[in-house]
Amino acid sequence: MNVTITLDDELCREARHRAVDEGKSLSSWLAGLVRKEVRKASAAEATTLLDLLRDDAAGEIPLEIPELKDLPQPANLDA
C-alpha cells in the first residue's frame, strides 16, 4: 500500500542519511520504524509472559537488559 507523508526538508535529509547508513531505502527504513512501534504497542497490551510467547510478532521485540553497572548497588555499611 502506498502512503504519502510530509516531512520538513531537514528531517527528510536526516532520515534519508540514516536509511543509507543501514543500507535501506527511505521507504523501507520508515516502514521498519512503524513496524517496530506497532509491535511495541502490541507487546505493551500483553498482560503476561504467556501472552508474549503466544504472539508471533513478539520475537522481534528487543529486550532491554540493563548492564550491571546500571543496577542499584548495595550500600557499604562498613564505611
N, C-alpha and C. Protein backbone atom coordinates (compact mmCIF):
# COMPACT_ATOMS: atom_id res chain seq x y z
N MET A 1 0.84 -1.17 0.00
CA MET A 1 0.00 0.00 0.00
C MET A 1 0.89 1.24 0.00
N ASN A 2 0.54 2.20 -0.76
CA ASN A 2 1.29 3.46 -0.81
C ASN A 2 0.67 4.46 0.14
N VAL A 3 1.53 5.18 0.87
CA VAL A 3 1.09 6.21 1.81
C VAL A 3 1.95 7.43 1.55
N THR A 4 1.34 8.59 1.57
CA THR A 4 2.09 9.83 1.39
C THR A 4 2.25 10.51 2.75
N ILE A 5 3.48 10.87 3.08
CA ILE A 5 3.73 11.62 4.32
C ILE A 5 4.48 12.89 3.95
N THR A 6 4.38 13.87 4.82
CA THR A 6 5.07 15.13 4.59
C THR A 6 6.08 15.34 5.71
N LEU A 7 7.34 15.54 5.33
CA LEU A 7 8.42 15.80 6.28
C LEU A 7 9.09 17.11 5.89
N ASP A 8 9.54 17.86 6.89
CA ASP A 8 10.29 19.06 6.52
C ASP A 8 11.62 18.63 5.92
N ASP A 9 12.26 19.53 5.20
CA ASP A 9 13.47 19.20 4.45
C ASP A 9 14.59 18.62 5.31
N GLU A 10 14.84 19.24 6.46
CA GLU A 10 15.92 18.79 7.32
C GLU A 10 15.65 17.39 7.87
N LEU A 11 14.42 17.14 8.32
CA LEU A 11 14.07 15.81 8.83
C LEU A 11 14.17 14.76 7.74
N CYS A 12 13.72 15.09 6.56
CA CYS A 12 13.81 14.16 5.44
C CYS A 12 15.26 13.84 5.10
N ARG A 13 16.10 14.85 5.09
CA ARG A 13 17.52 14.66 4.78
C ARG A 13 18.18 13.75 5.83
N GLU A 14 17.90 14.00 7.11
CA GLU A 14 18.47 13.18 8.18
C GLU A 14 17.96 11.74 8.10
N ALA A 15 16.68 11.58 7.85
CA ALA A 15 16.10 10.23 7.73
C ALA A 15 16.72 9.48 6.55
N ARG A 16 16.89 10.18 5.45
CA ARG A 16 17.48 9.54 4.27
C ARG A 16 18.92 9.10 4.56
N HIS A 17 19.68 9.92 5.28
CA HIS A 17 21.05 9.55 5.64
C HIS A 17 21.07 8.31 6.53
N ARG A 18 20.15 8.28 7.50
CA ARG A 18 20.09 7.10 8.38
C ARG A 18 19.73 5.85 7.59
N ALA A 19 18.80 5.98 6.67
CA ALA A 19 18.41 4.84 5.84
C ALA A 19 19.61 4.35 5.03
N VAL A 20 20.34 5.25 4.41
CA VAL A 20 21.51 4.89 3.61
C VAL A 20 22.57 4.23 4.50
N ASP A 21 22.76 4.75 5.71
CA ASP A 21 23.73 4.16 6.63
C ASP A 21 23.40 2.70 6.95
N GLU A 22 22.10 2.36 6.93
CA GLU A 22 21.66 1.00 7.20
C GLU A 22 21.48 0.19 5.92
N GLY A 23 21.83 0.79 4.78
CA GLY A 23 21.73 0.08 3.51
C GLY A 23 20.29 -0.13 3.07
N LYS A 24 19.41 0.80 3.42
CA LYS A 24 17.98 0.66 3.10
C LYS A 24 17.50 1.87 2.33
N SER A 25 16.37 1.69 1.66
CA SER A 25 15.71 2.84 1.06
C SER A 25 14.99 3.60 2.17
N LEU A 26 14.67 4.85 1.92
CA LEU A 26 13.95 5.63 2.91
C LEU A 26 12.61 4.96 3.23
N SER A 27 11.95 4.45 2.21
CA SER A 27 10.66 3.80 2.39
C SER A 27 10.76 2.58 3.31
N SER A 28 11.74 1.71 3.06
CA SER A 28 11.86 0.51 3.89
C SER A 28 12.33 0.86 5.29
N TRP A 29 13.16 1.91 5.43
CA TRP A 29 13.62 2.33 6.75
C TRP A 29 12.45 2.86 7.58
N LEU A 30 11.61 3.70 6.96
CA LEU A 30 10.42 4.21 7.65
C LEU A 30 9.45 3.09 8.00
N ALA A 31 9.28 2.14 7.08
CA ALA A 31 8.39 1.00 7.35
C ALA A 31 8.90 0.21 8.56
N GLY A 32 10.22 0.07 8.68
CA GLY A 32 10.79 -0.62 9.84
C GLY A 32 10.49 0.10 11.14
N LEU A 33 10.57 1.43 11.12
CA LEU A 33 10.25 2.21 12.32
C LEU A 33 8.79 2.05 12.71
N VAL A 34 7.91 2.11 11.73
CA VAL A 34 6.49 1.95 12.00
C VAL A 34 6.22 0.55 12.53
N ARG A 35 6.82 -0.46 11.91
CA ARG A 35 6.64 -1.85 12.34
C ARG A 35 7.08 -2.02 13.80
N LYS A 36 8.23 -1.44 14.14
CA LYS A 36 8.76 -1.54 15.50
C LYS A 36 7.79 -0.91 16.51
N GLU A 37 7.26 0.26 16.18
CA GLU A 37 6.33 0.95 17.08
C GLU A 37 5.03 0.17 17.24
N VAL A 38 4.53 -0.40 16.16
CA VAL A 38 3.29 -1.18 16.24
C VAL A 38 3.51 -2.42 17.10
N ARG A 39 4.64 -3.07 16.95
CA ARG A 39 4.94 -4.25 17.76
C ARG A 39 5.12 -3.90 19.22
N LYS A 40 5.74 -2.73 19.48
CA LYS A 40 5.89 -2.29 20.87
C LYS A 40 4.52 -2.11 21.52
N ALA A 41 3.59 -1.54 20.77
CA ALA A 41 2.25 -1.30 21.29
C ALA A 41 1.56 -2.63 21.59
N SER A 42 1.73 -3.63 20.71
CA SER A 42 1.08 -4.91 20.96
C SER A 42 1.73 -5.61 22.14
N ALA A 43 3.02 -5.43 22.35
CA ALA A 43 3.70 -6.02 23.49
C ALA A 43 3.23 -5.36 24.79
N ALA A 44 2.97 -4.05 24.73
CA ALA A 44 2.51 -3.34 25.92
C ALA A 44 1.12 -3.82 26.32
N GLU A 45 0.33 -4.27 25.35
CA GLU A 45 -1.01 -4.77 25.63
C GLU A 45 -0.97 -6.17 26.26
N ALA A 46 0.10 -6.90 26.03
CA ALA A 46 0.22 -8.25 26.60
C ALA A 46 0.30 -8.12 28.12
N THR A 47 -0.46 -8.95 28.80
CA THR A 47 -0.50 -8.83 30.25
C THR A 47 0.37 -9.86 30.96
N THR A 48 0.74 -10.91 30.26
CA THR A 48 1.55 -11.94 30.90
C THR A 48 2.65 -12.39 29.94
N LEU A 49 3.62 -13.09 30.49
CA LEU A 49 4.67 -13.67 29.66
C LEU A 49 4.07 -14.65 28.66
N LEU A 50 3.05 -15.37 29.08
CA LEU A 50 2.38 -16.32 28.19
C LEU A 50 1.76 -15.60 26.99
N ASP A 51 1.18 -14.42 27.21
CA ASP A 51 0.64 -13.63 26.11
C ASP A 51 1.74 -13.29 25.10
N LEU A 52 2.91 -12.89 25.62
CA LEU A 52 4.03 -12.57 24.74
C LEU A 52 4.51 -13.80 23.98
N LEU A 53 4.55 -14.94 24.65
CA LEU A 53 5.01 -16.17 23.99
C LEU A 53 4.06 -16.61 22.89
N ARG A 54 2.79 -16.29 23.03
CA ARG A 54 1.79 -16.65 22.00
C ARG A 54 1.83 -15.70 20.81
N ASP A 55 2.42 -14.54 20.98
CA ASP A 55 2.43 -13.51 19.94
C ASP A 55 3.59 -13.74 18.99
N ASP A 56 3.29 -14.09 17.74
CA ASP A 56 4.34 -14.35 16.76
C ASP A 56 5.24 -13.14 16.54
N ALA A 57 4.70 -11.95 16.63
CA ALA A 57 5.48 -10.74 16.39
C ALA A 57 6.37 -10.40 17.57
N ALA A 58 6.12 -10.97 18.73
CA ALA A 58 6.90 -10.62 19.93
C ALA A 58 8.34 -11.07 19.83
N GLY A 59 8.65 -12.01 18.97
CA GLY A 59 10.02 -12.48 18.82
C GLY A 59 10.96 -11.40 18.33
N GLU A 60 10.43 -10.36 17.72
CA GLU A 60 11.28 -9.30 17.20
C GLU A 60 11.31 -8.08 18.11
N ILE A 61 10.67 -8.19 19.27
CA ILE A 61 10.70 -7.08 20.22
C ILE A 61 12.04 -7.11 20.94
N PRO A 62 12.80 -6.03 20.86
CA PRO A 62 14.12 -6.06 21.51
C PRO A 62 13.96 -6.07 23.03
N LEU A 63 14.70 -6.94 23.66
CA LEU A 63 14.71 -6.99 25.12
C LEU A 63 15.81 -6.08 25.62
N GLU A 64 15.48 -5.28 26.59
CA GLU A 64 16.48 -4.38 27.15
C GLU A 64 16.95 -4.93 28.48
N ILE A 65 18.16 -5.44 28.50
CA ILE A 65 18.74 -6.00 29.72
C ILE A 65 19.76 -4.98 30.24
N PRO A 66 19.52 -4.46 31.44
CA PRO A 66 20.44 -3.43 31.94
C PRO A 66 21.81 -4.01 32.23
N GLU A 67 22.81 -3.18 32.06
CA GLU A 67 24.17 -3.59 32.41
C GLU A 67 24.30 -3.58 33.92
N LEU A 68 25.19 -4.40 34.44
CA LEU A 68 25.36 -4.49 35.89
C LEU A 68 25.70 -3.14 36.50
N LYS A 69 26.48 -2.35 35.78
CA LYS A 69 26.87 -1.05 36.33
C LYS A 69 25.68 -0.11 36.47
N ASP A 70 24.58 -0.38 35.75
CA ASP A 70 23.39 0.46 35.81
C ASP A 70 22.43 0.05 36.92
N LEU A 71 22.66 -1.11 37.54
CA LEU A 71 21.77 -1.59 38.59
C LEU A 71 22.14 -0.95 39.92
N PRO A 72 21.16 -0.79 40.80
CA PRO A 72 21.47 -0.24 42.13
C PRO A 72 22.46 -1.13 42.86
N GLN A 73 23.39 -0.52 43.56
CA GLN A 73 24.40 -1.26 44.30
C GLN A 73 24.07 -1.21 45.79
N PRO A 74 24.36 -2.29 46.53
CA PRO A 74 24.08 -2.26 47.96
C PRO A 74 24.98 -1.23 48.65
N ALA A 75 24.45 -0.67 49.70
CA ALA A 75 25.22 0.33 50.47
C ALA A 75 26.36 -0.35 51.21
N ASN A 76 27.47 0.34 51.32
CA ASN A 76 28.61 -0.16 52.05
C ASN A 76 28.44 0.24 53.52
N LEU A 77 28.03 -0.72 54.37
CA LEU A 77 27.76 -0.42 55.77
C LEU A 77 29.00 -0.42 56.64
N ASP A 78 30.12 -0.90 56.08
CA ASP A 78 31.38 -0.95 56.84
C ASP A 78 32.10 0.39 56.87
N ALA A 79 31.72 1.31 56.06
CA ALA A 79 32.44 2.58 55.96
C ALA A 79 32.07 3.54 57.05
